[in-house]
Amino acid sequence: MTYALNFKEDDIKNSQIDFVRMNIKPGQLKLITEMSRYICKEISVPELAIKSAIMYVLKIWQEKNNKSISEIATMTLPKQIIILKEFFTISKEHLKCMLLQPKEKGEIILDIAFERAFKFYLEYLNRTHK
Protein backbone atom coordinates (compact mmCIF):
# COMPACT_ATOMS: atom_id res chain seq x y z
CA MET A 1 0.00 0.00 0.00
CA THR A 2 1.31 3.44 -0.91
CA TYR A 3 0.52 6.48 1.22
CA ALA A 4 0.17 9.94 -0.26
CA LEU A 5 1.88 12.76 1.58
CA ASN A 6 1.63 16.49 1.01
CA PHE A 7 4.99 18.18 0.55
CA LYS A 8 5.91 21.79 -0.10
CA GLU A 9 6.11 21.78 -3.88
CA ASP A 10 8.95 24.31 -4.13
CA ASP A 11 11.08 22.36 -1.63
CA ILE A 12 10.60 19.16 -3.63
CA LYS A 13 11.47 20.88 -6.92
CA ASN A 14 14.57 22.50 -5.44
CA SER A 15 15.78 19.23 -3.94
CA GLN A 16 15.38 17.52 -7.30
CA ILE A 17 17.47 20.21 -8.99
CA ASP A 18 20.15 19.80 -6.30
CA PHE A 19 20.31 16.04 -6.95
CA VAL A 20 20.71 16.44 -10.70
CA ARG A 21 23.71 18.73 -10.13
CA MET A 22 25.56 16.30 -7.84
CA ASN A 23 28.49 14.18 -8.94
CA ILE A 24 27.74 10.60 -7.91
CA LYS A 25 29.76 7.43 -8.38
CA PRO A 26 27.97 4.54 -10.14
CA GLY A 27 27.97 2.32 -7.03
CA GLN A 28 26.54 5.08 -4.89
CA LEU A 29 23.91 5.88 -7.49
CA LYS A 30 22.83 2.23 -7.62
CA LEU A 31 22.32 2.05 -3.85
CA ILE A 32 20.57 5.43 -3.76
CA THR A 33 18.29 4.37 -6.61
CA GLU A 34 17.39 1.05 -4.96
CA MET A 35 16.62 2.68 -1.62
CA SER A 36 14.65 5.49 -3.26
CA ARG A 37 12.51 3.05 -5.22
CA TYR A 38 11.80 1.06 -2.10
CA ILE A 39 10.76 4.16 -0.15
CA CYS A 40 8.60 5.33 -3.07
CA LYS A 41 6.70 2.04 -2.89
CA GLU A 42 5.70 3.07 0.63
CA ILE A 43 4.96 6.77 0.09
CA SER A 44 3.79 8.77 -2.89
CA VAL A 45 6.66 11.17 -3.50
CA PRO A 46 8.84 11.69 -6.56
CA GLU A 47 11.80 9.32 -6.56
CA LEU A 48 14.09 12.20 -7.38
CA ALA A 49 13.03 13.93 -4.15
CA ILE A 50 14.02 10.87 -2.13
CA LYS A 51 17.33 10.65 -3.99
CA SER A 52 18.03 14.28 -3.24
CA ALA A 53 17.27 13.77 0.48
CA ILE A 54 19.75 10.89 0.51
CA MET A 55 22.36 12.96 -1.34
CA TYR A 56 21.85 15.80 1.12
CA VAL A 57 22.75 13.40 3.91
CA LEU A 58 25.78 12.03 2.07
CA LYS A 59 27.07 15.56 1.58
CA ILE A 60 26.49 16.48 5.24
CA TRP A 61 28.16 13.27 6.44
CA GLN A 62 31.24 13.83 4.28
CA GLU A 63 31.63 17.37 5.58
CA LYS A 64 30.99 16.38 9.21
CA ASN A 65 33.40 13.43 9.16
CA ASN A 66 35.94 14.83 6.70
CA LYS A 67 35.75 11.54 4.78
CA SER A 68 34.56 10.41 1.39
CA ILE A 69 31.49 8.22 1.11
CA SER A 70 33.66 5.66 -0.70
CA GLU A 71 35.54 5.06 2.59
CA ILE A 72 32.43 3.50 4.11
CA ALA A 73 32.97 0.38 1.99
CA THR A 74 36.29 -0.25 3.77
CA MET A 75 34.77 -0.04 7.25
CA THR A 76 33.58 -2.97 9.32
CA LEU A 77 30.04 -4.16 8.69
CA PRO A 78 28.75 -2.99 12.10
CA LYS A 79 30.19 0.49 11.48
CA GLN A 80 28.60 0.57 8.00
CA ILE A 81 25.22 -0.31 9.49
CA ILE A 82 25.49 2.44 12.11
CA ILE A 83 26.41 5.00 9.45
CA LEU A 84 23.58 3.90 7.15
CA LYS A 85 21.08 4.11 10.00
CA GLU A 86 22.29 7.67 10.57
CA PHE A 87 21.77 8.39 6.85
CA PHE A 88 18.22 7.06 6.97
CA THR A 89 17.38 9.10 10.06
CA ILE A 90 18.74 12.37 8.66
CA SER A 91 17.07 11.80 5.25
CA LYS A 92 13.74 11.20 6.95
CA GLU A 93 14.09 14.34 9.08
CA HIS A 94 15.04 16.34 5.99
CA LEU A 95 11.84 15.22 4.26
CA LYS A 96 9.76 15.93 7.37
CA CYS A 97 10.75 19.59 7.06
CA MET A 98 9.11 19.65 3.63
CA LEU A 99 5.77 18.25 4.80
CA LEU A 100 2.53 20.17 4.68
CA GLN A 101 -0.53 19.43 6.82
CA PRO A 102 -1.51 16.98 8.20
CA LYS A 103 2.11 17.05 9.34
CA GLU A 104 1.86 14.62 12.26
CA LYS A 105 0.29 11.88 10.14
CA GLY A 106 2.89 12.48 7.41
CA GLU A 107 5.72 12.18 9.93
CA ILE A 108 4.40 8.83 11.14
CA ILE A 109 4.14 7.56 7.57
CA LEU A 110 7.71 8.71 6.84
CA ASP A 111 8.93 6.96 10.01
CA ILE A 112 7.32 3.70 8.91
CA ALA A 113 8.54 3.97 5.31
CA PHE A 114 12.14 4.65 6.33
CA GLU A 115 12.16 1.86 8.94
CA ARG A 116 10.91 -0.59 6.32
CA ALA A 117 13.54 0.64 3.86
CA PHE A 118 16.27 0.22 6.48
CA LYS A 119 15.05 -3.34 7.15
CA PHE A 120 15.17 -3.97 3.39
CA TYR A 121 18.75 -2.68 3.34
CA LEU A 122 19.74 -4.96 6.25
CA GLU A 123 18.28 -7.93 4.39
CA TYR A 124 20.28 -6.88 1.32
CA LEU A 125 23.46 -6.74 3.41
CA ASN A 126 22.71 -10.16 4.84
CA ARG A 127 22.36 -11.64 1.34
CA THR A 128 25.49 -10.00 -0.04
CA HIS A 129 27.82 -10.64 2.92
CA LYS A 130 27.37 -14.40 3.21
C-alpha atoms as a PDB file:
ATOM      1  CA  MET A   1       0.000   0.000   0.000  1.00  0.00           C
ATOM      2  CA  THR A   2       1.307   3.445  -0.912  1.00  0.00           C
ATOM      3  CA  TYR A   3       0.517   6.482   1.220  1.00  0.00           C
ATOM      4  CA  ALA A   4       0.166   9.945  -0.255  1.00  0.00           C
ATOM      5  CA  LEU A   5       1.884  12.764   1.580  1.00  0.00           C
ATOM      6  CA  ASN A   6       1.633  16.495   1.010  1.00  0.00           C
ATOM      7  CA  PHE A   7       4.987  18.180   0.546  1.00  0.00           C
ATOM      8  CA  LYS A   8       5.914  21.791  -0.099  1.00  0.00           C
ATOM      9  CA  GLU A   9       6.114  21.781  -3.877  1.00  0.00           C
ATOM     10  CA  ASP A  10       8.954  24.310  -4.131  1.00  0.00           C
ATOM     11  CA  ASP A  11      11.077  22.358  -1.633  1.00  0.00           C
ATOM     12  CA  ILE A  12      10.605  19.158  -3.632  1.00  0.00           C
ATOM     13  CA  LYS A  13      11.472  20.876  -6.918  1.00  0.00           C
ATOM     14  CA  ASN A  14      14.571  22.504  -5.436  1.00  0.00           C
ATOM     15  CA  SER A  15      15.783  19.231  -3.936  1.00  0.00           C
ATOM     16  CA  GLN A  16      15.377  17.517  -7.298  1.00  0.00           C
ATOM     17  CA  ILE A  17      17.472  20.206  -8.992  1.00  0.00           C
ATOM     18  CA  ASP A  18      20.150  19.799  -6.304  1.00  0.00           C
ATOM     19  CA  PHE A  19      20.308  16.044  -6.953  1.00  0.00           C
ATOM     20  CA  VAL A  20      20.709  16.443 -10.701  1.00  0.00           C
ATOM     21  CA  ARG A  21      23.705  18.733 -10.127  1.00  0.00           C
ATOM     22  CA  MET A  22      25.560  16.299  -7.837  1.00  0.00           C
ATOM     23  CA  ASN A  23      28.495  14.181  -8.943  1.00  0.00           C
ATOM     24  CA  ILE A  24      27.744  10.602  -7.911  1.00  0.00           C
ATOM     25  CA  LYS A  25      29.764   7.426  -8.380  1.00  0.00           C
ATOM     26  CA  PRO A  26      27.974   4.538 -10.135  1.00  0.00           C
ATOM     27  CA  GLY A  27      27.969   2.317  -7.025  1.00  0.00           C
ATOM     28  CA  GLN A  28      26.543   5.084  -4.892  1.00  0.00           C
ATOM     29  CA  LEU A  29      23.907   5.879  -7.490  1.00  0.00           C
ATOM     30  CA  LYS A  30      22.829   2.231  -7.621  1.00  0.00           C
ATOM     31  CA  LEU A  31      22.324   2.053  -3.854  1.00  0.00           C
ATOM     32  CA  ILE A  32      20.568   5.434  -3.761  1.00  0.00           C
ATOM     33  CA  THR A  33      18.287   4.368  -6.611  1.00  0.00           C
ATOM     34  CA  GLU A  34      17.387   1.048  -4.956  1.00  0.00           C
ATOM     35  CA  MET A  35      16.617   2.676  -1.622  1.00  0.00           C
ATOM     36  CA  SER A  36      14.650   5.489  -3.264  1.00  0.00           C
ATOM     37  CA  ARG A  37      12.512   3.048  -5.220  1.00  0.00           C
ATOM     38  CA  TYR A  38      11.799   1.059  -2.101  1.00  0.00           C
ATOM     39  CA  ILE A  39      10.759   4.156  -0.154  1.00  0.00           C
ATOM     40  CA  CYS A  40       8.600   5.326  -3.074  1.00  0.00           C
ATOM     41  CA  LYS A  41       6.703   2.044  -2.887  1.00  0.00           C
ATOM     42  CA  GLU A  42       5.704   3.074   0.629  1.00  0.00           C
ATOM     43  CA  ILE A  43       4.962   6.766   0.087  1.00  0.00           C
ATOM     44  CA  SER A  44       3.794   8.771  -2.892  1.00  0.00           C
ATOM     45  CA  VAL A  45       6.663  11.172  -3.497  1.00  0.00           C
ATOM     46  CA  PRO A  46       8.836  11.691  -6.561  1.00  0.00           C
ATOM     47  CA  GLU A  47      11.800   9.322  -6.559  1.00  0.00           C
ATOM     48  CA  LEU A  48      14.088  12.203  -7.383  1.00  0.00           C
ATOM     49  CA  ALA A  49      13.032  13.927  -4.148  1.00  0.00           C
ATOM     50  CA  ILE A  50      14.024  10.867  -2.127  1.00  0.00           C
ATOM     51  CA  LYS A  51      17.326  10.651  -3.988  1.00  0.00           C
ATOM     52  CA  SER A  52      18.033  14.280  -3.235  1.00  0.00           C
ATOM     53  CA  ALA A  53      17.273  13.775   0.476  1.00  0.00           C
ATOM     54  CA  ILE A  54      19.753  10.890   0.512  1.00  0.00           C
ATOM     55  CA  MET A  55      22.357  12.956  -1.337  1.00  0.00           C
ATOM     56  CA  TYR A  56      21.851  15.796   1.120  1.00  0.00           C
ATOM     57  CA  VAL A  57      22.754  13.396   3.915  1.00  0.00           C
ATOM     58  CA  LEU A  58      25.785  12.035   2.074  1.00  0.00           C
ATOM     59  CA  LYS A  59      27.073  15.564   1.582  1.00  0.00           C
ATOM     60  CA  ILE A  60      26.486  16.479   5.241  1.00  0.00           C
ATOM     61  CA  TRP A  61      28.155  13.267   6.444  1.00  0.00           C
ATOM     62  CA  GLN A  62      31.236  13.828   4.278  1.00  0.00           C
ATOM     63  CA  GLU A  63      31.626  17.373   5.584  1.00  0.00           C
ATOM     64  CA  LYS A  64      30.995  16.384   9.210  1.00  0.00           C
ATOM     65  CA  ASN A  65      33.396  13.426   9.156  1.00  0.00           C
ATOM     66  CA  ASN A  66      35.938  14.831   6.697  1.00  0.00           C
ATOM     67  CA  LYS A  67      35.747  11.538   4.776  1.00  0.00           C
ATOM     68  CA  SER A  68      34.563  10.407   1.389  1.00  0.00           C
ATOM     69  CA  ILE A  69      31.494   8.216   1.111  1.00  0.00           C
ATOM     70  CA  SER A  70      33.656   5.665  -0.698  1.00  0.00           C
ATOM     71  CA  GLU A  71      35.542   5.055   2.586  1.00  0.00           C
ATOM     72  CA  ILE A  72      32.432   3.496   4.109  1.00  0.00           C
ATOM     73  CA  ALA A  73      32.966   0.376   1.989  1.00  0.00           C
ATOM     74  CA  THR A  74      36.290  -0.252   3.770  1.00  0.00           C
ATOM     75  CA  MET A  75      34.769  -0.042   7.249  1.00  0.00           C
ATOM     76  CA  THR A  76      33.581  -2.974   9.324  1.00  0.00           C
ATOM     77  CA  LEU A  77      30.043  -4.157   8.689  1.00  0.00           C
ATOM     78  CA  PRO A  78      28.753  -2.991  12.102  1.00  0.00           C
ATOM     79  CA  LYS A  79      30.192   0.487  11.477  1.00  0.00           C
ATOM     80  CA  GLN A  80      28.603   0.572   8.003  1.00  0.00           C
ATOM     81  CA  ILE A  81      25.218  -0.305   9.488  1.00  0.00           C
ATOM     82  CA  ILE A  82      25.489   2.440  12.114  1.00  0.00           C
ATOM     83  CA  ILE A  83      26.406   5.000   9.452  1.00  0.00           C
ATOM     84  CA  LEU A  84      23.582   3.898   7.155  1.00  0.00           C
ATOM     85  CA  LYS A  85      21.077   4.111  10.005  1.00  0.00           C
ATOM     86  CA  GLU A  86      22.286   7.673  10.573  1.00  0.00           C
ATOM     87  CA  PHE A  87      21.772   8.391   6.848  1.00  0.00           C
ATOM     88  CA  PHE A  88      18.220   7.061   6.970  1.00  0.00           C
ATOM     89  CA  THR A  89      17.378   9.102  10.058  1.00  0.00           C
ATOM     90  CA  ILE A  90      18.740  12.374   8.658  1.00  0.00           C
ATOM     91  CA  SER A  91      17.068  11.805   5.252  1.00  0.00           C
ATOM     92  CA  LYS A  92      13.743  11.200   6.947  1.00  0.00           C
ATOM     93  CA  GLU A  93      14.090  14.342   9.083  1.00  0.00           C
ATOM     94  CA  HIS A  94      15.044  16.338   5.990  1.00  0.00           C
ATOM     95  CA  LEU A  95      11.835  15.225   4.259  1.00  0.00           C
ATOM     96  CA  LYS A  96       9.764  15.930   7.368  1.00  0.00           C
ATOM     97  CA  CYS A  97      10.754  19.591   7.065  1.00  0.00           C
ATOM     98  CA  MET A  98       9.108  19.647   3.628  1.00  0.00           C
ATOM     99  CA  LEU A  99       5.766  18.250   4.802  1.00  0.00           C
ATOM    100  CA  LEU A 100       2.530  20.171   4.683  1.00  0.00           C
ATOM    101  CA  GLN A 101      -0.529  19.429   6.817  1.00  0.00           C
ATOM    102  CA  PRO A 102      -1.506  16.983   8.205  1.00  0.00           C
ATOM    103  CA  LYS A 103       2.109  17.052   9.337  1.00  0.00           C
ATOM    104  CA  GLU A 104       1.858  14.616  12.264  1.00  0.00           C
ATOM    105  CA  LYS A 105       0.287  11.880  10.137  1.00  0.00           C
ATOM    106  CA  GLY A 106       2.888  12.477   7.413  1.00  0.00           C
ATOM    107  CA  GLU A 107       5.716  12.180   9.931  1.00  0.00           C
ATOM    108  CA  ILE A 108       4.404   8.833  11.136  1.00  0.00           C
ATOM    109  CA  ILE A 109       4.139   7.563   7.567  1.00  0.00           C
ATOM    110  CA  LEU A 110       7.707   8.708   6.843  1.00  0.00           C
ATOM    111  CA  ASP A 111       8.928   6.965  10.011  1.00  0.00           C
ATOM    112  CA  ILE A 112       7.320   3.702   8.910  1.00  0.00           C
ATOM    113  CA  ALA A 113       8.543   3.966   5.310  1.00  0.00           C
ATOM    114  CA  PHE A 114      12.137   4.649   6.326  1.00  0.00           C
ATOM    115  CA  GLU A 115      12.159   1.862   8.942  1.00  0.00           C
ATOM    116  CA  ARG A 116      10.912  -0.586   6.319  1.00  0.00           C
ATOM    117  CA  ALA A 117      13.538   0.639   3.865  1.00  0.00           C
ATOM    118  CA  PHE A 118      16.268   0.218   6.476  1.00  0.00           C
ATOM    119  CA  LYS A 119      15.052  -3.336   7.147  1.00  0.00           C
ATOM    120  CA  PHE A 120      15.168  -3.967   3.392  1.00  0.00           C
ATOM    121  CA  TYR A 121      18.751  -2.676   3.345  1.00  0.00           C
ATOM    122  CA  LEU A 122      19.742  -4.961   6.246  1.00  0.00           C
ATOM    123  CA  GLU A 123      18.275  -7.933   4.394  1.00  0.00           C
ATOM    124  CA  TYR A 124      20.277  -6.883   1.317  1.00  0.00           C
ATOM    125  CA  LEU A 125      23.461  -6.735   3.408  1.00  0.00           C
ATOM    126  CA  ASN A 126      22.713 -10.160   4.840  1.00  0.00           C
ATOM    127  CA  ARG A 127      22.358 -11.643   1.342  1.00  0.00           C
ATOM    128  CA  THR A 128      25.486  -9.997  -0.039  1.00  0.00           C
ATOM    129  CA  HIS A 129      27.821 -10.640   2.921  1.00  0.00           C
ATOM    130  CA  LYS A 130      27.372 -14.401   3.209  1.00  0.00           C
END
